[in-house]
Amino acid sequence: MSKEKLRVLMVEDNPTDALIAKKRLQRDDAFEYEVVHLVSGEDALLKLENWSYDIMLLDYNLPKKSGLETLKEIKARNIEIPIVMITGQGDEQVVATLIKEGAFDYLQKREGYEDSIPLMIRKTIAEFRAKSEREKLQKEIALRKEELEKINAQLKELDRMKSDFVANVAHELKTPLTIIKGNLDNIGQGFAGEVQPKQKEILGDVFNVINRLSRLINDLLDLSKIESGKMELNKESLDIVALAGEIVKTFETLAGAKNVGLVKEFPGNALNVNADKDKLTQVFINLMGNAIKFTDKGSVTVRIIDMQGEVEVEIQDTGPGIPQDQADKIFDKFVRVIAEKKEGTGLGLPIARDIIVLHKGRIRIESEAGKGSKFIFILPK
């Protein structure tokens, strides 16, 4: 197996010392050495301008330009080469100065020192290459980080533009839709003349479509407020047990029409939380509406549990449930994980999650395909 070729620049004004070192390297089997011998720092600097070397052995005591001066100039010129200083001085301060000025290592020139040169070269080459590889990786990481930060900034800007666009479109749609709804209501009440049964049926279908559009617009506006950090909470101390009871009552007709039983498991006492009543009502309506929507001839249970410093609310249904591998997606915007086609915007759960998070609370789902779902949210008292 051929040995790696190593180019060595040896700067030594003593020809005998240089010959001894070269002969010792010839006997070493780690590398195939190509040694270029120079006798002055000036010659070394000229040589480094036009040639590259793997390592430099630099004598500390040189005529005219000393080894230390040569070392400093190499550093000033940003020449990348590992330098081992050969010095007859063992003074710690001298050694510290050499390392500070850019020497990779040093070797004391004393009797038999030439036997240490091959080992020192192997050690220096290995450490220098490792250092160079680390610096290369660090530069690549820094570059990738910069690129990712730019991409992230662009994505944030695109997301902001998307949110602004959605909010503007929703605002633009809300006013004419309100006018249309009002005029249709007047027609339905006979203000524009007697309404025939068939016409009432058609108006009813139109109203259903308009109500769906209104819900979508309101959800989009809520979402844009949350994403832009503009949703404000008007917190007050409220009894969550009483609030839940009121909301359950509003769903009795809808649940009865589907033969879905409503079960309340409430504590006997009031439980106060510091929350925005309207926003918390929205969370209950979203979660209960979904539970009843996806439950046929089963039951929906609303459970409130008093915990240490917190209140836990559970809304459990006996519907089709959600496969475990899809449960993590349930709070994603515009995502449906239920196979059945059900009416809705796909924004109710993401909005409910964001409202709970704004209240410094937590929300999660426990579900299994065929065994119903349980939505759990926890609020601080």
Protein backbone atom coordinates (compact mmCIF):
# COMPACT_ATOMS: atom_id res chain seq x y z
CA MET A 1 0.00 0.00 0.00
CA SER A 2 1.46 3.35 -1.04
CA LYS A 3 2.12 5.91 1.67
CA GLU A 4 0.63 9.36 1.71
CA LYS A 5 2.99 12.01 0.44
CA LEU A 6 3.66 14.84 2.89
CA ARG A 7 5.27 18.13 1.88
CA VAL A 8 7.41 19.51 4.73
CA LEU A 9 8.92 23.00 4.80
CA MET A 10 11.93 22.95 7.14
CA VAL A 11 13.42 26.32 8.13
CA GLU A 12 16.74 25.62 9.89
CA ASP A 13 19.93 27.68 9.61
CA ASN A 14 22.10 24.88 11.00
CA PRO A 15 22.80 22.47 8.09
CA THR A 16 23.88 19.65 10.43
CA ASP A 17 20.62 19.81 12.40
CA ALA A 18 18.66 19.95 9.16
CA LEU A 19 20.49 16.87 7.77
CA ILE A 20 19.88 14.89 10.98
CA ALA A 21 16.17 15.71 10.89
CA LYS A 22 15.82 14.80 7.20
CA LYS A 23 17.55 11.44 7.68
CA ARG A 24 15.28 10.63 10.60
CA LEU A 25 12.20 11.35 8.51
CA GLN A 26 13.51 9.08 5.74
CA ARG A 27 13.38 6.17 8.20
CA ASP A 28 9.82 6.88 9.24
CA ASP A 29 7.14 4.71 7.62
CA ALA A 30 4.09 6.90 8.37
CA PHE A 31 4.45 9.14 5.32
CA GLU A 32 6.51 9.60 2.20
CA TYR A 33 8.22 12.89 3.06
CA GLU A 34 9.15 15.56 0.57
CA VAL A 35 11.33 17.96 2.59
CA VAL A 36 12.21 21.44 1.37
CA HIS A 37 15.01 22.96 3.46
CA LEU A 38 15.45 26.73 3.82
CA VAL A 39 17.82 28.65 6.07
CA SER A 40 15.97 31.92 6.74
CA GLY A 41 12.55 33.31 7.59
CA GLU A 42 12.70 35.61 4.56
CA ASP A 43 13.16 32.63 2.23
CA ALA A 44 10.28 30.82 3.96
CA LEU A 45 7.88 33.72 3.44
CA LEU A 46 8.80 33.95 -0.23
CA LYS A 47 8.35 30.21 -0.68
CA LEU A 48 4.92 30.26 1.00
CA GLU A 49 3.70 32.90 -1.44
CA ASN A 50 3.90 30.45 -4.34
CA TRP A 51 3.87 26.97 -2.86
CA SER A 52 1.72 25.07 -0.41
CA TYR A 53 3.01 22.67 2.25
CA ASP A 54 1.38 20.25 4.64
CA ILE A 55 3.47 21.28 7.66
CA MET A 56 6.28 23.65 8.61
CA LEU A 57 9.17 22.99 11.02
CA LEU A 58 10.39 26.45 12.05
CA ASP A 59 13.56 27.04 14.08
CA TYR A 60 13.16 29.62 16.83
CA ASN A 61 16.73 30.99 16.50
CA LEU A 62 17.18 32.28 12.96
CA PRO A 63 19.49 35.08 11.69
CA LYS A 64 17.96 38.44 10.71
CA LYS A 65 14.22 37.56 10.90
CA SER A 66 13.76 35.32 13.94
CA GLY A 67 11.45 32.36 14.08
CA LEU A 68 8.98 34.34 16.20
CA GLU A 69 8.96 37.24 13.73
CA THR A 70 8.46 34.82 10.86
CA LEU A 71 5.60 33.17 12.75
CA LYS A 72 3.90 36.53 13.33
CA GLU A 73 4.16 37.48 9.67
CA ILE A 74 2.74 34.15 8.52
CA LYS A 75 -0.19 34.75 10.85
CA ALA A 76 -0.61 38.33 9.58
CA ARG A 77 -0.76 37.06 5.99
CA ASN A 78 -3.45 34.49 6.94
CA ILE A 79 -1.40 31.60 5.54
CA GLU A 80 -3.01 28.33 6.63
CA ILE A 81 -0.28 25.88 7.59
CA PRO A 82 0.40 24.00 10.84
CA ILE A 83 3.69 25.22 12.29
CA VAL A 84 5.84 23.32 14.79
CA MET A 85 8.44 25.56 16.44
CA ILE A 86 11.84 23.97 17.11
CA THR A 87 13.31 25.79 20.07
CA GLY A 88 16.27 25.34 22.35
CA GLN A 89 14.50 27.32 25.07
CA GLY A 90 12.15 25.63 27.50
CA ASP A 91 10.92 28.84 29.06
CA GLU A 92 7.15 28.63 29.67
CA GLN A 93 6.63 32.27 28.76
CA VAL A 94 8.38 31.77 25.41
CA VAL A 95 6.27 28.70 24.70
CA ALA A 96 3.06 30.57 25.63
CA THR A 97 4.03 33.40 23.28
CA LEU A 98 4.70 30.96 20.43
CA ILE A 99 1.29 29.30 20.84
CA LYS A 100 -0.44 32.68 21.12
CA GLU A 101 1.19 33.88 17.89
CA GLY A 102 -0.01 30.88 15.91
CA ALA A 103 2.35 27.96 16.48
CA PHE A 104 0.42 24.71 16.46
CA ASP A 105 2.92 23.02 18.76
CA TYR A 106 6.58 23.15 19.74
CA LEU A 107 9.51 20.76 20.13
CA GLN A 108 12.55 21.38 22.32
CA LYS A 109 15.87 21.02 20.55
CA ARG A 110 17.95 18.80 22.78
CA GLU A 111 20.00 15.63 22.36
CA GLY A 112 18.04 13.02 20.40
CA TYR A 113 15.14 15.43 19.67
CA GLU A 114 15.11 14.27 16.04
CA ASP A 115 13.53 10.97 17.14
CA SER A 116 10.48 12.95 18.31
CA ILE A 117 10.03 14.77 14.99
CA PRO A 118 8.05 12.01 13.15
CA LEU A 119 5.68 11.56 16.12
CA MET A 120 5.21 15.32 16.42
CA ILE A 121 4.44 15.56 12.69
CA ARG A 122 1.86 12.76 12.86
CA LYS A 123 0.21 14.33 15.91
CA THR A 124 0.19 17.84 14.42
CA ILE A 125 -1.14 16.72 11.04
CA ALA A 126 -3.96 14.73 12.68
CA GLU A 127 -4.96 17.61 14.98
CA PHE A 128 -4.69 20.23 12.25
CA ARG A 129 -6.86 18.21 9.86
CA ALA A 130 -9.41 17.59 12.60
CA LYS A 131 -9.43 21.32 13.39
CA SER A 132 -9.81 22.19 9.72
CA GLU A 133 -12.68 19.72 9.35
CA ARG A 134 -14.42 21.19 12.41
CA GLU A 135 -14.05 24.71 11.06
CA LYS A 136 -15.35 23.59 7.68
CA LEU A 137 -18.38 21.97 9.29
CA GLN A 138 -18.97 25.04 11.45
CA LYS A 139 -18.90 27.26 8.37
CA GLU A 140 -21.30 24.93 6.57
CA ILE A 141 -23.60 24.88 9.60
CA ALA A 142 -23.46 28.68 9.85
CA LEU A 143 -24.22 28.96 6.14
CA ARG A 144 -27.13 26.51 6.38
CA LYS A 145 -28.40 28.33 9.45
CA GLU A 146 -28.31 31.63 7.61
CA GLU A 147 -30.12 30.09 4.64
CA LEU A 148 -32.75 28.54 6.93
CA GLU A 149 -33.24 31.84 8.74
CA LYS A 150 -33.79 33.58 5.41
CA ILE A 151 -36.26 30.90 4.31
CA ASN A 152 -37.99 31.06 7.69
CA ALA A 153 -38.28 34.84 7.41
CA GLN A 154 -39.74 34.48 3.92
CA LEU A 155 -42.23 31.86 5.15
CA LYS A 156 -43.26 34.12 8.04
CA GLU A 157 -43.79 36.98 5.63
CA LEU A 158 -45.83 34.75 3.32
CA ASP A 159 -47.85 33.52 6.29
CA ARG A 160 -48.46 37.12 7.39
CA MET A 161 -49.53 38.09 3.86
CA LYS A 162 -51.84 35.06 3.75
CA SER A 163 -53.39 35.96 7.11
CA ASP A 164 -53.86 39.59 6.03
CA PHE A 165 -55.41 38.47 2.75
CA VAL A 166 -57.80 36.06 4.49
CA ALA A 167 -58.78 38.71 7.05
CA ASN A 168 -59.38 41.33 4.35
CA VAL A 169 -61.46 38.96 2.22
CA ALA A 170 -63.50 37.90 5.25
CA HIS A 171 -64.15 41.53 6.19
CA GLU A 172 -65.16 42.35 2.62
CA LEU A 173 -67.58 39.40 2.54
CA LYS A 174 -69.15 40.00 5.94
CA THR A 175 -70.96 43.27 5.17
CA PRO A 176 -72.67 42.25 1.89
CA LEU A 177 -73.56 38.88 3.39
CA THR A 178 -75.25 40.63 6.32
CA ILE A 179 -77.21 42.80 3.88
CA ILE A 180 -78.27 39.75 1.83
CA LYS A 181 -79.34 37.92 4.98
CA GLY A 182 -81.38 40.90 6.16
CA ASN A 183 -83.16 41.31 2.83
CA LEU A 184 -83.93 37.61 2.61
CA ASP A 185 -85.30 37.73 6.15
CA ASN A 186 -87.61 40.57 5.14
CA ILE A 187 -88.78 38.57 2.14
CA GLY A 188 -89.35 35.51 4.33
CA GLN A 189 -91.50 37.56 6.70
CA GLY A 190 -93.68 38.75 3.82
CA PHE A 191 -92.59 42.38 3.70
CA ALA A 192 -92.23 42.13 -0.10
CA GLY A 193 -95.48 40.25 -0.62
CA GLU A 194 -96.99 36.90 0.29
CA VAL A 195 -94.49 34.04 0.26
CA GLN A 196 -95.64 30.73 -1.16
CA PRO A 197 -94.71 27.39 0.50
CA LYS A 198 -92.30 26.46 -2.27
CA GLN A 199 -90.68 29.87 -2.01
CA LYS A 200 -90.29 29.43 1.76
CA GLU A 201 -88.59 26.09 1.15
CA ILE A 202 -86.14 27.70 -1.26
CA LEU A 203 -85.52 30.58 1.15
CA GLY A 204 -84.82 28.07 3.89
CA ASP A 205 -82.14 26.41 1.77
CA VAL A 206 -80.62 29.80 0.97
CA PHE A 207 -80.59 30.72 4.67
CA ASN A 208 -78.74 27.49 5.47
CA VAL A 209 -76.07 28.34 2.90
CA ILE A 210 -75.77 31.91 4.19
CA ASN A 211 -75.42 30.69 7.77
CA ARG A 212 -72.65 28.33 6.71
CA LEU A 213 -70.86 31.19 4.96
CA SER A 214 -71.31 33.38 8.05
CA ARG A 215 -69.76 30.71 10.27
CA LEU A 216 -66.85 30.33 7.87
CA ILE A 217 -66.26 34.10 7.77
CA ASN A 218 -66.43 34.39 11.55
CA ASP A 219 -64.00 31.50 11.94
CA LEU A 220 -61.59 33.04 9.45
CA LEU A 221 -61.73 36.37 11.28
CA ASP A 222 -61.11 34.68 14.62
CA LEU A 223 -58.20 32.74 13.16
CA SER A 224 -56.61 35.84 11.64
CA LYS A 225 -56.91 37.67 14.97
CA ILE A 226 -55.24 34.79 16.81
CA GLU A 227 -52.44 34.43 14.25
CA SER A 228 -51.71 38.17 14.29
CA GLY A 229 -51.82 38.33 18.09
CA LYS A 230 -54.77 40.73 17.99
CA MET A 231 -57.31 38.57 19.81
CA GLU A 232 -57.89 40.17 23.20
CA LEU A 233 -59.35 38.40 26.21
CA ASN A 234 -61.85 40.16 28.46
CA LYS A 235 -61.28 38.03 31.52
CA GLU A 236 -63.59 37.86 34.49
CA SER A 237 -64.22 35.49 37.36
CA LEU A 238 -66.94 33.12 36.16
CA ASP A 239 -68.48 29.86 37.31
CA ILE A 240 -67.54 27.30 34.68
CA VAL A 241 -70.08 24.82 36.05
CA ALA A 242 -72.95 27.28 35.50
CA LEU A 243 -71.62 28.24 32.06
CA ALA A 244 -71.36 24.60 30.97
CA GLY A 245 -74.90 23.97 32.20
CA GLU A 246 -76.26 26.85 30.13
CA ILE A 247 -74.47 25.63 26.99
CA VAL A 248 -75.62 22.01 27.44
CA LYS A 249 -79.19 23.27 27.64
CA THR A 250 -78.89 25.04 24.28
CA PHE A 251 -77.92 21.73 22.64
CA GLU A 252 -80.88 19.73 23.99
CA THR A 253 -83.05 20.22 20.91
CA LEU A 254 -80.27 19.31 18.47
CA ALA A 255 -79.25 16.28 20.52
CA GLY A 256 -82.87 15.13 20.86
CA ALA A 257 -83.39 15.30 17.10
CA LYS A 258 -80.53 12.80 16.69
CA ASN A 259 -81.53 10.61 19.65
CA VAL A 260 -78.29 11.59 21.38
CA GLY A 261 -78.39 11.68 25.16
CA LEU A 262 -76.70 14.54 27.05
CA VAL A 263 -75.08 13.57 30.32
CA LYS A 264 -73.80 16.09 32.87
CA GLU A 265 -71.26 15.04 35.47
CA PHE A 266 -70.73 18.26 37.40
CA PRO A 267 -69.49 18.91 40.93
CA GLY A 268 -72.10 20.14 43.40
CA ASN A 269 -70.35 23.44 43.98
CA ALA A 270 -69.35 26.39 41.82
CA LEU A 271 -65.88 26.41 40.25
CA ASN A 272 -64.58 29.84 39.31
CA VAL A 273 -62.00 30.43 36.60
CA ASN A 274 -60.53 33.69 35.34
CA ALA A 275 -61.60 33.59 31.69
CA ASP A 276 -63.24 35.40 28.79
CA LYS A 277 -66.86 34.22 28.89
CA ASP A 278 -67.55 34.68 25.18
CA LYS A 279 -64.36 32.90 24.11
CA LEU A 280 -64.88 30.05 26.58
CA THR A 281 -68.46 29.70 25.34
CA GLN A 282 -67.06 29.41 21.81
CA VAL A 283 -64.81 26.54 22.93
CA PHE A 284 -67.73 24.69 24.55
CA ILE A 285 -69.92 25.20 21.47
CA ASN A 286 -67.21 23.97 19.09
CA LEU A 287 -66.45 20.86 21.13
CA MET A 288 -70.06 19.97 21.96
CA GLY A 289 -71.23 20.73 18.43
CA ASN A 290 -68.62 18.33 17.04
CA ALA A 291 -69.45 15.66 19.61
CA ILE A 292 -73.15 15.71 18.73
CA LYS A 293 -72.48 16.01 15.00
CA PHE A 294 -70.41 12.82 14.94
CA THR A 295 -72.60 10.83 17.33
CA ASP A 296 -75.68 8.93 16.17
CA LYS A 297 -78.07 7.46 18.76
CA GLY A 298 -75.41 7.49 21.44
CA SER A 299 -74.52 9.95 24.17
CA VAL A 300 -72.35 12.97 24.85
CA THR A 301 -71.02 13.43 28.36
CA VAL A 302 -69.81 16.76 29.73
CA ARG A 303 -67.65 16.22 32.80
CA ILE A 304 -66.10 18.88 35.04
CA ILE A 305 -63.41 17.92 37.55
CA ASP A 306 -62.05 20.11 40.33
CA MET A 307 -58.27 19.75 40.55
CA GLN A 308 -55.53 21.42 42.58
CA GLY A 309 -55.36 24.96 41.20
CA GLU A 310 -57.01 23.90 37.91
CA VAL A 311 -60.31 22.84 36.42
CA GLU A 312 -60.53 19.98 33.93
CA VAL A 313 -63.36 19.78 31.40
CA GLU A 314 -64.05 16.60 29.46
CA ILE A 315 -66.45 16.30 26.52
CA GLN A 316 -66.83 12.64 25.63
CA ASP A 317 -68.88 11.12 22.82
CA THR A 318 -69.74 7.62 21.59
CA GLY A 319 -69.11 8.47 17.95
CA PRO A 320 -66.82 6.76 15.44
CA GLY A 321 -63.63 7.92 17.12
CA ILE A 322 -60.36 8.83 15.46
CA PRO A 323 -57.48 6.48 14.58
CA GLN A 324 -54.53 7.09 16.89
CA ASP A 325 -52.18 7.88 14.01
CA GLN A 326 -54.49 10.74 12.97
CA ALA A 327 -55.28 12.18 16.39
CA ASP A 328 -52.28 14.53 16.30
CA LYS A 329 -53.73 16.22 13.20
CA ILE A 330 -57.10 16.99 14.75
CA PHE A 331 -56.08 20.53 15.79
CA ASP A 332 -54.48 21.42 12.42
CA LYS A 333 -56.18 24.12 10.38
CA PHE A 334 -58.48 22.99 7.56
CA VAL A 335 -57.76 19.31 8.32
CA ARG A 336 -60.45 16.65 8.61
CA VAL A 337 -59.57 13.24 9.92
CA ILE A 338 -63.09 11.83 9.97
CA ALA A 339 -63.93 9.81 6.91
CA GLU A 340 -67.59 10.94 6.88
CA LYS A 341 -68.42 14.19 5.14
CA LYS A 342 -69.80 16.53 7.76
CA GLU A 343 -70.69 20.18 7.40
CA GLY A 344 -68.21 22.61 8.90
CA THR A 345 -65.20 24.81 8.25
CA GLY A 346 -62.50 22.62 9.74
CA LEU A 347 -61.44 25.60 11.87
CA GLY A 348 -63.44 25.03 15.04
CA LEU A 349 -60.91 22.82 16.80
CA PRO A 350 -57.82 24.91 15.91
CA ILE A 351 -59.64 28.00 17.19
CA ALA A 352 -60.68 26.18 20.37
CA ARG A 353 -57.07 25.12 20.94
CA ASP A 354 -55.75 28.65 20.42
CA ILE A 355 -58.33 30.13 22.79
CA ILE A 356 -57.40 27.65 25.51
CA VAL A 357 -53.69 28.36 24.98
CA LEU A 358 -54.40 32.11 25.23
CA HIS A 359 -55.92 31.34 28.64
CA LYS A 360 -52.64 29.61 29.66
CA GLY A 361 -54.46 26.28 29.52
CA ARG A 362 -53.97 22.93 27.79
CA ILE A 363 -56.12 20.87 25.45
CA ARG A 364 -55.80 17.35 24.08
CA ILE A 365 -57.79 14.48 22.64
CA GLU A 366 -58.07 10.84 23.67
CA SER A 367 -59.62 8.72 20.96
CA GLU A 368 -59.63 5.34 19.31
CA ALA A 369 -61.33 4.25 16.09
CA GLY A 370 -64.76 2.79 16.87
CA LYS A 371 -64.69 3.80 20.54
CA GLY A 372 -65.57 7.48 20.52
CA SER A 373 -63.53 10.54 21.41
CA LYS A 374 -62.83 12.56 24.53
CA PHE A 375 -61.69 16.17 24.32
CA ILE A 376 -60.05 17.43 27.47
CA PHE A 377 -59.12 20.99 28.28
CA ILE A 378 -57.65 22.31 31.50
CA LEU A 379 -57.78 25.89 32.75
CA PRO A 380 -56.05 27.53 35.71
CA LYS A 381 -58.35 28.77 38.44
